[in-house]
PDB file of N, CA and C in Angstrom:
ATOM      1  N   UNK A   1     115.107 120.436  85.188  1.00  0.00           N
ATOM      2  CA  UNK A   1     113.806 119.675  86.065  1.00  0.00           C
ATOM      3  C   UNK A   1     113.530 118.446  84.885  1.00  0.00           C
ATOM      4  N   UNK A   2     113.191 117.666  85.521  1.00  0.00           N
ATOM      5  CA  UNK A   2     112.582 116.099  84.867  1.00  0.00           C
ATOM      6  C   UNK A   2     111.290 116.030  85.131  1.00  0.00           C
ATOM      7  N   UNK A   3     110.801 115.401  84.040  1.00  0.00           N
ATOM      8  CA  UNK A   3     108.976 115.157  84.173  1.00  0.00           C
ATOM      9  C   UNK A   3     109.014 114.001  84.645  1.00  0.00           C
ATOM     10  N   UNK A   4     108.485 113.285  85.895  1.00  0.00           N
ATOM     11  CA  UNK A   4     108.171 112.047  85.977  1.00  0.00           C
ATOM     12  C   UNK A   4     106.718 111.750  86.095  1.00  0.00           C
ATOM     13  N   UNK A   5     106.426 110.452  85.451  1.00  0.00           N
ATOM     14  CA  UNK A   5     105.107 110.525  85.279  1.00  0.00           C
ATOM     15  C   UNK A   5     104.059 109.791  86.556  1.00  0.00           C
ATOM     16  N   UNK A   6     103.035 110.235  87.212  1.00  0.00           N
ATOM     17  CA  UNK A   6     102.486 110.296  88.190  1.00  0.00           C
ATOM     18  C   UNK A   6     100.812 110.243  88.085  1.00  0.00           C
ATOM     19  N   UNK A   7     100.489 109.538  89.120  1.00  0.00           N
ATOM     20  CA  UNK A   7      98.886 109.384  89.190  1.00  0.00           C
ATOM     21  C   UNK A   7      98.865 110.485  90.221  1.00  0.00           C
ATOM     22  N   UNK A   8      97.858 111.707  89.897  1.00  0.00           N
ATOM     23  CA  UNK A   8      97.747 112.251  90.821  1.00  0.00           C
ATOM     24  C   UNK A   8      95.709 111.905  91.366  1.00  0.00           C
ATOM     25  N   UNK A   9      96.037 111.829  92.765  1.00  0.00           N
ATOM     26  CA  UNK A   9      94.523 111.323  93.216  1.00  0.00           C
ATOM     27  C   UNK A   9      93.794 112.700  94.238  1.00  0.00           C
ATOM     28  N   UNK A  10      92.626 113.273  93.432  1.00  0.00           N
ATOM     29  CA  UNK A  10      92.246 114.186  94.339  1.00  0.00           C
ATOM     30  C   UNK A  10      90.941 113.684  94.988  1.00  0.00           C
ATOM     31  N   UNK A  11      90.521 114.234  96.210  1.00  0.00           N
ATOM     32  CA  UNK A  11      89.227 113.553  96.978  1.00  0.00           C
ATOM     33  C   UNK A  11      89.372 115.238  97.790  1.00  0.00           C
ATOM     34  N   UNK A  12      87.562 115.490  97.553  1.00  0.00           N
ATOM     35  CA  UNK A  12      87.056 116.217  98.390  1.00  0.00           C
ATOM     36  C   UNK A  12      86.658 115.547  99.785  1.00  0.00           C
ATOM     37  N   UNK A  13      86.614 116.155 101.115  1.00  0.00           N
ATOM     38  CA  UNK A  13      86.266 115.751 102.311  1.00  0.00           C
ATOM     39  C   UNK A  13      85.828 116.779 103.082  1.00  0.00           C
ATOM     40  N   UNK A  14      84.423 116.476 103.907  1.00  0.00           N
ATOM     41  CA  UNK A  14      84.404 117.753 104.941  1.00  0.00           C
ATOM     42  C   UNK A  14      85.745 117.822 105.819  1.00  0.00           C
ATOM     43  N   UNK A  15      85.846 119.067 106.195  1.00  0.00           N
ATOM     44  CA  UNK A  15      87.073 119.164 107.134  1.00  0.00           C
ATOM     45  C   UNK A  15      87.239 118.476 108.230  1.00  0.00           C
ATOM     46  N   UNK A  16      85.919 118.420 109.437  1.00  0.00           N
ATOM     47  CA  UNK A  16      86.062 117.243 110.390  1.00  0.00           C
ATOM     48  C   UNK A  16      86.607 115.832 110.054  1.00  0.00           C
ATOM     49  N   UNK A  17      86.714 115.534 109.004  1.00  0.00           N
ATOM     50  CA  UNK A  17      86.911 113.884 108.710  1.00  0.00           C
ATOM     51  C   UNK A  17      88.485 114.252 107.685  1.00  0.00           C
ATOM     52  N   UNK A  18      88.557 115.359 107.444  1.00  0.00           N
ATOM     53  CA  UNK A  18      89.938 115.420 106.984  1.00  0.00           C
ATOM     54  C   UNK A  18      91.131 114.540 107.506  1.00  0.00           C
ATOM     55  N   UNK A  19      91.305 114.810 108.725  1.00  0.00           N
ATOM     56  CA  UNK A  19      92.598 114.030 109.520  1.00  0.00           C
ATOM     57  C   UNK A  19      92.331 112.162 109.618  1.00  0.00           C
ATOM     58  N   UNK A  20      91.097 111.964 109.447  1.00  0.00           N
ATOM     59  CA  UNK A  20      90.854 110.593 109.541  1.00  0.00           C
ATOM     60  C   UNK A  20      91.404 110.148 108.210  1.00  0.00           C
ATOM     61  N   UNK A  21      90.696 110.573 107.291  1.00  0.00           N
ATOM     62  CA  UNK A  21      91.069 110.164 106.060  1.00  0.00           C
ATOM     63  C   UNK A  21      92.293 110.098 105.442  1.00  0.00           C
ATOM     64  N   UNK A  22      93.143 111.338 105.889  1.00  0.00           N
ATOM     65  CA  UNK A  22      94.788 111.007 105.800  1.00  0.00           C
ATOM     66  C   UNK A  22      95.440 109.728 106.488  1.00  0.00           C
ATOM     67  N   UNK A  23      95.021 109.515 107.675  1.00  0.00           N
ATOM     68  CA  UNK A  23      95.401 108.742 108.588  1.00  0.00           C
ATOM     69  C   UNK A  23      95.101 107.299 107.895  1.00  0.00           C
ATOM     70  N   UNK A  24      93.906 107.425 107.159  1.00  0.00           N
ATOM     71  CA  UNK A  24      93.518 105.999 106.488  1.00  0.00           C
ATOM     72  C   UNK A  24      94.141 105.816 104.897  1.00  0.00           C
ATOM     73  N   UNK A  25      94.002 106.604 104.619  1.00  0.00           N
ATOM     74  CA  UNK A  25      95.324 106.576 103.666  1.00  0.00           C
ATOM     75  C   UNK A  25      96.670 106.038 103.435  1.00  0.00           C
ATOM     76  N   UNK A  26      97.208 106.435 104.978  1.00  0.00           N
ATOM     77  CA  UNK A  26      98.586 106.424 104.916  1.00  0.00           C
ATOM     78  C   UNK A  26      98.778 105.059 105.828  1.00  0.00           C
ATOM     79  N   UNK A  27      97.477 104.670 106.281  1.00  0.00           N
ATOM     80  CA  UNK A  27      97.689 103.332 106.983  1.00  0.00           C
ATOM     81  C   UNK A  27      97.742 102.502 105.729  1.00  0.00           C
ATOM     82  N   UNK A  28      97.299 102.618 104.637  1.00  0.00           N
ATOM     83  CA  UNK A  28      97.342 102.165 103.598  1.00  0.00           C
ATOM     84  C   UNK A  28      98.859 101.734 102.668  1.00  0.00           C
ATOM     85  N   UNK A  29      99.170 103.049 102.421  1.00  0.00           N
ATOM     86  CA  UNK A  29     100.384 103.091 101.516  1.00  0.00           C
ATOM     87  C   UNK A  29     100.924 104.462 102.305  1.00  0.00           C
ATOM     88  N   UNK A  30     102.293 104.543 102.244  1.00  0.00           N
ATOM     89  CA  UNK A  30     103.109 105.875 103.021  1.00  0.00           C
ATOM     90  C   UNK A  30     103.198 107.111 101.939  1.00  0.00           C
ATOM     91  N   UNK A  31     102.977 106.680 100.806  1.00  0.00           N
ATOM     92  CA  UNK A  31     102.877 107.681  99.475  1.00  0.00           C
ATOM     93  C   UNK A  31     104.394 107.858  99.120  1.00  0.00           C
ATOM     94  N   UNK A  32     105.332 106.861  99.400  1.00  0.00           N
ATOM     95  CA  UNK A  32     106.756 107.106  99.146  1.00  0.00           C
ATOM     96  C   UNK A  32     106.657 107.600  97.423  1.00  0.00           C
ATOM     97  N   UNK A  33     108.120 108.354  97.358  1.00  0.00           N
ATOM     98  CA  UNK A  33     108.119 108.794  95.969  1.00  0.00           C
ATOM     99  C   UNK A  33     109.063 109.902  96.206  1.00  0.00           C
ATOM    100  N   UNK A  34     110.022 109.856  95.116  1.00  0.00           N
ATOM    101  CA  UNK A  34     111.510 110.924  94.757  1.00  0.00           C
ATOM    102  C   UNK A  34     111.774 111.026  96.595  1.00  0.00           C
ATOM    103  N   UNK A  35     112.283 110.144  97.080  1.00  0.00           N
ATOM    104  CA  UNK A  35     112.763 110.454  98.377  1.00  0.00           C
ATOM    105  C   UNK A  35     112.005 111.285  99.220  1.00  0.00           C
ATOM    106  N   UNK A  36     110.655 111.111  99.427  1.00  0.00           N
ATOM    107  CA  UNK A  36     109.984 111.710 100.270  1.00  0.00           C
ATOM    108  C   UNK A  36     109.020 110.935 100.442  1.00  0.00           C
ATOM    109  N   UNK A  37     108.074 110.547 101.603  1.00  0.00           N
ATOM    110  CA  UNK A  37     107.037 109.786 102.030  1.00  0.00           C
ATOM    111  C   UNK A  37     105.741 111.002 102.669  1.00  0.00           C
ATOM    112  N   UNK A  38     104.686 110.525 102.649  1.00  0.00           N
ATOM    113  CA  UNK A  38     103.502 110.987 103.661  1.00  0.00           C
ATOM    114  C   UNK A  38     103.070 112.159 102.509  1.00  0.00           C
ATOM    115  N   UNK A  39     103.369 112.487 101.003  1.00  0.00           N
ATOM    116  CA  UNK A  39     103.319 113.392 100.600  1.00  0.00           C
ATOM    117  C   UNK A  39     102.103 113.844 100.202  1.00  0.00           C
ATOM    118  N   UNK A  40     101.131 114.907 100.831  1.00  0.00           N
ATOM    119  CA  UNK A  40      99.917 115.726 100.629  1.00  0.00           C
ATOM    120  C   UNK A  40      99.844 117.051 100.207  1.00  0.00           C
ATOM    121  N   UNK A  41      98.904 117.235  99.590  1.00  0.00           N
ATOM    122  CA  UNK A  41      98.365 118.792 100.029  1.00  0.00           C
ATOM    123  C   UNK A  41      97.001 118.963 100.138  1.00  0.00           C
ATOM    124  N   UNK A  42      97.157 120.077 100.459  1.00  0.00           N
ATOM    125  CA  UNK A  42      95.545 120.142 101.005  1.00  0.00           C
ATOM    126  C   UNK A  42      94.746 121.947 101.008  1.00  0.00           C
ATOM    127  N   UNK A  43      93.799 122.386 100.396  1.00  0.00           N
ATOM    128  CA  UNK A  43      93.385 123.690 100.055  1.00  0.00           C
ATOM    129  C   UNK A  43      92.593 123.642 101.051  1.00  0.00           C
ATOM    130  N   UNK A  44      92.353 125.360 101.172  1.00  0.00           N
ATOM    131  CA  UNK A  44      91.661 125.884 102.421  1.00  0.00           C
ATOM    132  C   UNK A  44      89.997 125.111 102.035  1.00  0.00           C
ATOM    133  N   UNK A  45      89.440 125.484 103.135  1.00  0.00           N
ATOM    134  CA  UNK A  45      87.582 125.077 102.876  1.00  0.00           C
ATOM    135  C   UNK A  45      87.189 125.494 101.855  1.00  0.00           C
ATOM    136  N   UNK A  46      86.562 124.870 101.132  1.00  0.00           N
ATOM    137  CA  UNK A  46      85.489 125.265  99.621  1.00  0.00           C
ATOM    138  C   UNK A  46      84.253 125.149 100.002  1.00  0.00           C
ATOM    139  N   UNK A  47      83.288 124.754  99.083  1.00  0.00           N
ATOM    140  CA  UNK A  47      82.112 124.277  98.861  1.00  0.00           C
ATOM    141  C   UNK A  47      81.651 123.299  98.178  1.00  0.00           C
ATOM    142  N   UNK A  48      80.654 122.349  98.735  1.00  0.00           N
ATOM    143  CA  UNK A  48      80.344 121.105  97.155  1.00  0.00           C
ATOM    144  C   UNK A  48      78.768 121.330  97.841  1.00  0.00           C
ATOM    145  N   UNK A  49      78.499 120.982  96.411  1.00  0.00           N
ATOM    146  CA  UNK A  49      76.887 120.893  96.535  1.00  0.00           C
ATOM    147  C   UNK A  49      76.428 119.787  96.002  1.00  0.00           C
ATOM    148  N   UNK A  50      75.163 119.215  96.182  1.00  0.00           N
ATOM    149  CA  UNK A  50      74.593 118.288  95.590  1.00  0.00           C
ATOM    150  C   UNK A  50      73.119 118.469  95.707  1.00  0.00           C
ATOM    151  N   UNK A  51      72.508 117.790  94.920  1.00  0.00           N
ATOM    152  CA  UNK A  51      70.624 116.896  95.683  1.00  0.00           C
ATOM    153  C   UNK A  51      70.997 115.570  95.660  1.00  0.00           C
ATOM    154  N   UNK A  52      70.242 115.226  96.812  1.00  0.00           N
ATOM    155  CA  UNK A  52      70.069 113.900  96.699  1.00  0.00           C
ATOM    156  C   UNK A  52      69.019 113.160  95.805  1.00  0.00           C
ATOM    157  N   UNK A  53      69.244 112.042  95.170  1.00  0.00           N
ATOM    158  CA  UNK A  53      68.324 111.558  94.612  1.00  0.00           C
ATOM    159  C   UNK A  53      67.040 110.611  95.447  1.00  0.00           C
ATOM    160  N   UNK A  54      65.904 110.634  94.979  1.00  0.00           N
ATOM    161  CA  UNK A  54      65.544 109.505  95.961  1.00  0.00           C
ATOM    162  C   UNK A  54      66.210 108.360  95.606  1.00  0.00           C
ATOM    163  N   UNK A  55      65.609 107.372  96.770  1.00  0.00           N
ATOM    164  CA  UNK A  55      66.484 106.301  96.811  1.00  0.00           C
ATOM    165  C   UNK A  55      67.785 105.861  97.263  1.00  0.00           C
ATOM    166  N   UNK A  56      68.438 106.900  97.478  1.00  0.00           N
ATOM    167  CA  UNK A  56      69.827 107.172  97.502  1.00  0.00           C
ATOM    168  C   UNK A  56      69.971 107.250  98.954  1.00  0.00           C
ATOM    169  N   UNK A  57      70.904 106.391 100.265  1.00  0.00           N
ATOM    170  CA  UNK A  57      71.075 106.544 101.350  1.00  0.00           C
ATOM    171  C   UNK A  57      72.510 107.661 101.733  1.00  0.00           C
ATOM    172  N   UNK A  58      71.951 109.090 101.287  1.00  0.00           N
ATOM    173  CA  UNK A  58      72.696 109.862 101.526  1.00  0.00           C
ATOM    174  C   UNK A  58      73.412 110.173 103.062  1.00  0.00           C
ATOM    175  N   UNK A  59      74.774 110.422 103.145  1.00  0.00           N
ATOM    176  CA  UNK A  59      75.137 110.317 104.727  1.00  0.00           C
ATOM    177  C   UNK A  59      74.720 111.688 105.213  1.00  0.00           C
ATOM    178  N   UNK A  60      74.431 112.428 103.622  1.00  0.00           N
ATOM    179  CA  UNK A  60      74.455 114.048 104.295  1.00  0.00           C
ATOM    180  C   UNK A  60      72.875 114.458 103.733  1.00  0.00           C
ATOM    181  N   UNK A  61      71.870 114.885 104.248  1.00  0.00           N
ATOM    182  CA  UNK A  61      70.943 115.482 103.493  1.00  0.00           C
ATOM    183  C   UNK A  61      69.764 114.394 102.873  1.00  0.00           C
ATOM    184  N   UNK A  62      68.806 114.854 102.790  1.00  0.00           N
ATOM    185  CA  UNK A  62      67.498 113.375 102.364  1.00  0.00           C
ATOM    186  C   UNK A  62      67.204 113.871 100.700  1.00  0.00           C
ATOM    187  N   UNK A  63      66.159 113.018 100.253  1.00  0.00           N
ATOM    188  CA  UNK A  63      65.924 112.667  98.954  1.00  0.00           C
ATOM    189  C   UNK A  63      65.249 114.147  98.207  1.00  0.00           C
ATOM    190  N   UNK A  64      65.696 114.477  97.316  1.00  0.00           N
ATOM    191  CA  UNK A  64      65.325 115.950  96.821  1.00  0.00           C
ATOM    192  C   UNK A  64      65.995 117.137  97.658  1.00  0.00           C
ATOM    193  N   UNK A  65      66.531 116.830  98.774  1.00  0.00           N
ATOM    194  CA  UNK A  65      67.232 118.502  99.306  1.00  0.00           C
ATOM    195  C   UNK A  65      68.323 118.248  98.524  1.00  0.00           C
ATOM    196  N   UNK A  66      68.517 119.863  98.360  1.00  0.00           N
ATOM    197  CA  UNK A  66      69.918 120.572  97.975  1.00  0.00           C
ATOM    198  C   UNK A  66      71.056 120.761  98.980  1.00  0.00           C
ATOM    199  N   UNK A  67      72.059 120.065  99.000  1.00  0.00           N
ATOM    200  CA  UNK A  67      73.023 120.323 100.399  1.00  0.00           C
ATOM    201  C   UNK A  67      74.194 120.630  99.712  1.00  0.00           C
ATOM    202  N   UNK A  68      74.439 122.070 100.659  1.00  0.00           N
ATOM    203  CA  UNK A  68      75.772 122.955 100.469  1.00  0.00           C
ATOM    204  C   UNK A  68      77.018 122.642 101.887  1.00  0.00           C
ATOM    205  N   UNK A  69      77.891 122.146 101.376  1.00  0.00           N
ATOM    206  CA  UNK A  69      78.208 122.047 102.573  1.00  0.00           C
ATOM    207  C   UNK A  69      80.024 122.262 102.205  1.00  0.00           C
ATOM    208  N   UNK A  70      80.655 122.658 103.352  1.00  0.00           N
ATOM    209  CA  UNK A  70      82.046 122.567 103.733  1.00  0.00           C
ATOM    210  C   UNK A  70      82.896 121.331 103.169  1.00  0.00           C
ATOM    211  N   UNK A  71      84.134 121.634 102.295  1.00  0.00           N
ATOM    212  CA  UNK A  71      84.763 120.523 101.922  1.00  0.00           C
ATOM    213  C   UNK A  71      86.501 120.854 101.734  1.00  0.00           C
ATOM    214  N   UNK A  72      87.081 120.246 101.481  1.00  0.00           N
ATOM    215  CA  UNK A  72      88.693 120.506 101.357  1.00  0.00           C
ATOM    216  C   UNK A  72      89.211 119.468 100.910  1.00  0.00           C
ATOM    217  N   UNK A  73      89.900 119.925  99.743  1.00  0.00           N
ATOM    218  CA  UNK A  73      90.359 118.974  98.447  1.00  0.00           C
ATOM    219  C   UNK A  73      91.959 118.590  98.995  1.00  0.00           C
ATOM    220  N   UNK A  74      91.978 117.494  99.153  1.00  0.00           N
ATOM    221  CA  UNK A  74      93.163 116.506  99.548  1.00  0.00           C
ATOM    222  C   UNK A  74      93.569 116.183  98.277  1.00  0.00           C
ATOM    223  N   UNK A  75      94.695 116.530  97.768  1.00  0.00           N
ATOM    224  CA  UNK A  75      95.850 115.634  96.812  1.00  0.00           C
ATOM    225  C   UNK A  75      96.978 114.776  96.922  1.00  0.00           C
ATOM    226  N   UNK A  76      97.185 113.941  96.355  1.00  0.00           N
ATOM    227  CA  UNK A  76      98.451 113.369  96.650  1.00  0.00           C
ATOM    228  C   UNK A  76      99.000 112.369  95.584  1.00  0.00           C
ATOM    229  N   UNK A  77      99.941 111.683  94.936  1.00  0.00           N
ATOM    230  CA  UNK A  77     100.541 111.365  93.807  1.00  0.00           C
ATOM    231  C   UNK A  77     101.601 110.125  94.508  1.00  0.00           C
ATOM    232  N   UNK A  78     101.278 109.125  93.247  1.00  0.00           N
ATOM    233  CA  UNK A  78     102.260 108.001  93.389  1.00  0.00           C
ATOM    234  C   UNK A  78     102.868 108.016  91.938  1.00  0.00           C
ATOM    235  N   UNK A  79     103.784 107.469  91.905  1.00  0.00           N
ATOM    236  CA  UNK A  79     104.455 107.086  90.596  1.00  0.00           C
ATOM    237  C   UNK A  79     103.533 105.860  89.566  1.00  0.00           C
ATOM    238  N   UNK A  80     103.758 106.543  88.375  1.00  0.00           N
ATOM    239  CA  UNK A  80     103.107 105.787  87.453  1.00  0.00           C
ATOM    240  C   UNK A  80     103.938 105.225  86.320  1.00  0.00           C
ATOM    241  N   UNK A  81     103.701 104.094  85.602  1.00  0.00           N
ATOM    242  CA  UNK A  81     104.028 103.562  84.627  1.00  0.00           C
ATOM    243  C   UNK A  81     105.587 102.526  85.106  1.00  0.00           C
ATOM    244  N   UNK A  82     105.288 102.276  86.574  1.00  0.00           N
ATOM    245  CA  UNK A  82     106.061 100.981  87.067  1.00  0.00           C
ATOM    246  C   UNK A  82     105.541  99.943  87.470  1.00  0.00           C
ATOM    247  N   UNK A  83     106.076  99.016  87.745  1.00  0.00           N
ATOM    248  CA  UNK A  83     105.872  97.958  88.377  1.00  0.00           C
ATOM    249  C   UNK A  83     104.564  97.819  89.529  1.00  0.00           C
ATOM    250  N   UNK A  84     103.834  97.533  88.880  1.00  0.00           N
ATOM    251  CA  UNK A  84     102.441  97.306  90.289  1.00  0.00           C
ATOM    252  C   UNK A  84     101.652  99.122  90.416  1.00  0.00           C
ATOM    253  N   UNK A  85     102.082  99.488  89.710  1.00  0.00           N
ATOM    254  CA  UNK A  85     101.675 100.749  90.091  1.00  0.00           C
ATOM    255  C   UNK A  85      99.820 100.615  89.923  1.00  0.00           C
ATOM    256  N   UNK A  86      99.066  99.759  88.865  1.00  0.00           N
ATOM    257  CA  UNK A  86      97.545  99.872  89.145  1.00  0.00           C
ATOM    258  C   UNK A  86      97.259  99.413  90.365  1.00  0.00           C
ATOM    259  N   UNK A  87      97.830  98.498  90.676  1.00  0.00           N
ATOM    260  CA  UNK A  87      97.536  97.635  91.861  1.00  0.00           C
ATOM    261  C   UNK A  87      97.231  98.907  93.349  1.00  0.00           C
ATOM    262  N   UNK A  88      98.927  99.261  93.271  1.00  0.00           N
ATOM    263  CA  UNK A  88      98.723 100.570  94.116  1.00  0.00           C
ATOM    264  C   UNK A  88      97.641 101.160  94.217  1.00  0.00           C
ATOM    265  N   UNK A  89      97.250 101.873  93.005  1.00  0.00           N
ATOM    266  CA  UNK A  89      96.210 102.643  92.697  1.00  0.00           C
ATOM    267  C   UNK A  89      95.057 102.196  93.323  1.00  0.00           C
ATOM    268  N   UNK A  90      94.848 101.131  93.270  1.00  0.00           N
ATOM    269  CA  UNK A  90      93.562 100.327  93.503  1.00  0.00           C
ATOM    270  C   UNK A  90      93.227 100.576  95.203  1.00  0.00           C
ATOM    271  N   UNK A  91      94.384  99.907  95.605  1.00  0.00           N
ATOM    272  CA  UNK A  91      94.294  99.662  97.002  1.00  0.00           C
ATOM    273  C   UNK A  91      94.431 101.270  97.728  1.00  0.00           C
ATOM    274  N   UNK A  92      94.823 102.032  97.584  1.00  0.00           N
ATOM    275  CA  UNK A  92      94.388 103.400  97.786  1.00  0.00           C
ATOM    276  C   UNK A  92      93.194 103.949  97.545  1.00  0.00           C
ATOM    277  N   UNK A  93      92.640 103.737  96.277  1.00  0.00           N
ATOM    278  CA  UNK A  93      91.428 103.978  96.319  1.00  0.00           C
ATOM    279  C   UNK A  93      89.930 103.094  97.427  1.00  0.00           C
ATOM    280  N   UNK A  94      90.563 101.979  96.854  1.00  0.00           N
ATOM    281  CA  UNK A  94      89.314 101.100  97.993  1.00  0.00           C
ATOM    282  C   UNK A  94      89.713 101.103  99.148  1.00  0.00           C
ATOM    283  N   UNK A  95      90.987 100.791 100.000  1.00  0.00           N
ATOM    284  CA  UNK A  95      91.453 100.497 101.370  1.00  0.00           C
ATOM    285  C   UNK A  95      91.608 101.992 101.860  1.00  0.00           C
ATOM    286  N   UNK A  96      92.606 102.985 101.093  1.00  0.00           N
ATOM    287  CA  UNK A  96      92.776 104.093 101.660  1.00  0.00           C
ATOM    288  C   UNK A  96      91.391 105.167 101.772  1.00  0.00           C
ATOM    289  N   UNK A  97      90.936 105.316 100.805  1.00  0.00           N
ATOM    290  CA  UNK A  97      90.029 106.393 100.585  1.00  0.00           C
ATOM    291  C   UNK A  97      88.401 105.699 100.923  1.00  0.00           C
ATOM    292  N   UNK A  98      87.915 105.069 100.384  1.00  0.00           N
ATOM    293  CA  UNK A  98      86.771 104.716 100.419  1.00  0.00           C
ATOM    294  C   UNK A  98      86.194 103.740 101.883  1.00  0.00           C
ATOM    295  N   UNK A  99      87.103 103.428 102.168  1.00  0.00           N
ATOM    296  CA  UNK A  99      87.296 102.650 103.560  1.00  0.00           C
ATOM    297  C   UNK A  99      87.233 103.762 104.512  1.00  0.00           C
ATOM    298  N   UNK A 100      87.628 105.033 104.519  1.00  0.00           N
ATOM    299  CA  UNK A 100      87.825 105.674 105.415  1.00  0.00           C
ATOM    300  C   UNK A 100      86.739 107.257 105.127  1.00  0.00           C
ATOM    301  N   UNK A 101      86.220 107.392 104.275  1.00  0.00           N
ATOM    302  CA  UNK A 101      85.843 108.503 103.654  1.00  0.00           C
ATOM    303  C   UNK A 101      84.221 107.879 104.233  1.00  0.00           C
ATOM    304  N   UNK A 102      83.715 109.949 104.704  1.00  0.00           N
ATOM    305  CA  UNK A 102      82.207 109.551 105.429  1.00  0.00           C
ATOM    306  C   UNK A 102      81.205 109.670 104.311  1.00  0.00           C
ATOM    307  N   UNK A 103      81.324 109.944 103.545  1.00  0.00           N
ATOM    308  CA  UNK A 103      80.466 109.449 102.125  1.00  0.00           C
ATOM    309  C   UNK A 103      79.984 108.394 101.498  1.00  0.00           C
ATOM    310  N   UNK A 104      79.020 107.889 101.275  1.00  0.00           N
ATOM    311  CA  UNK A 104      78.935 106.825 100.490  1.00  0.00           C
ATOM    312  C   UNK A 104      79.363 107.014  98.940  1.00  0.00           C
ATOM    313  N   UNK A 105      79.485 107.779  98.651  1.00  0.00           N
ATOM    314  CA  UNK A 105      79.972 108.383  97.266  1.00  0.00           C
ATOM    315  C   UNK A 105      81.414 109.331  97.085  1.00  0.00           C
ATOM    316  N   UNK A 106      82.510 109.217  97.312  1.00  0.00           N
ATOM    317  CA  UNK A 106      83.337 110.485  97.627  1.00  0.00           C
ATOM    318  C   UNK A 106      83.671 110.559  96.350  1.00  0.00           C
ATOM    319  N   UNK A 107      83.576 111.887  96.221  1.00  0.00           N
ATOM    320  CA  UNK A 107      83.932 112.902  94.975  1.00  0.00           C
ATOM    321  C   UNK A 107      85.621 112.533  94.801  1.00  0.00           C
ATOM    322  N   UNK A 108      86.025 111.443  93.485  1.00  0.00           N
ATOM    323  CA  UNK A 108      87.541 111.182  93.795  1.00  0.00           C
ATOM    324  C   UNK A 108      87.874 111.257  92.398  1.00  0.00           C
ATOM    325  N   UNK A 109      88.743 112.055  91.810  1.00  0.00           N
ATOM    326  CA  UNK A 109      89.582 111.943  91.055  1.00  0.00           C
ATOM    327  C   UNK A 109      90.686 111.673  90.188  1.00  0.00           C
ATOM    328  N   UNK A 110      91.205 110.791  89.281  1.00  0.00           N
ATOM    329  CA  UNK A 110      92.442 110.111  89.327  1.00  0.00           C
ATOM    330  C   UNK A 110      92.923 110.841  87.759  1.00  0.00           C
ATOM    331  N   UNK A 111      94.176 111.225  87.778  1.00  0.00           N
ATOM    332  CA  UNK A 111      94.879 111.932  86.901  1.00  0.00           C
ATOM    333  C   UNK A 111      96.141 111.275  86.323  1.00  0.00           C
ATOM    334  N   UNK A 112      96.400 111.221  85.382  1.00  0.00           N
ATOM    335  CA  UNK A 112      97.723 110.570  84.948  1.00  0.00           C
ATOM    336  C   UNK A 112      98.605 112.056  84.323  1.00  0.00           C
ATOM    337  N   UNK A 113      99.123 112.243  85.273  1.00  0.00           N
ATOM    338  CA  UNK A 113     100.025 113.583  84.938  1.00  0.00           C
ATOM    339  C   UNK A 113     101.990 113.462  85.018  1.00  0.00           C
ATOM    340  N   UNK A 114     102.238 114.412  84.819  1.00  0.00           N
ATOM    341  CA  UNK A 114     103.694 114.321  85.192  1.00  0.00           C
ATOM    342  C   UNK A 114     103.885 115.207  86.066  1.00  0.00           C
ATOM    343  N   UNK A 115     104.963 114.967  87.114  1.00  0.00           N
ATOM    344  CA  UNK A 115     105.525 115.700  88.481  1.00  0.00           C
ATOM    345  C   UNK A 115     106.877 116.393  87.757  1.00  0.00           C
ATOM    346  N   UNK A 116     107.079 117.650  87.744  1.00  0.00           N
ATOM    347  CA  UNK A 116     108.568 117.968  87.465  1.00  0.00           C
ATOM    348  C   UNK A 116     109.510 118.251  88.792  1.00  0.00           C
ATOM    349  N   UNK A 117     110.424 117.380  88.629  1.00  0.00           N
ATOM    350  CA  UNK A 117     111.513 117.450  89.637  1.00  0.00           C
ATOM    351  C   UNK A 117     112.889 117.047  89.438  1.00  0.00           C
ATOM    352  N   UNK A 118     113.835 118.154  90.506  1.00  0.00           N
ATOM    353  CA  UNK A 118     115.113 117.911  89.950  1.00  0.00           C
ATOM    354  C   UNK A 118     115.748 116.674  89.689  1.00  0.00           C
TER     355      UNK A 118
END
């Protein structure tokens, strides 16, 4: 197996909005890598919690309220260390995730990792 440098993008989303977010991401980028496209991983629903701070216009919960809500972990990856990779990543973050996520501050994580493939 060979290690290929990739960006792994992880985003948490309410289960009811999962398919809409996936469609939004794929409308921006087909996630082509290594002979495949549309590659995504999702986990079973878990829970996410937060407390809304005063002055925040939250999509869920009011100021001072502690919210605990079901969430799904969605992950995908794109090649890293190739021409245009940073621009591709930024498009996915802005036009794919932020534009289609129901929360005003979605939980999104980007890791620079390696993907093992034959």
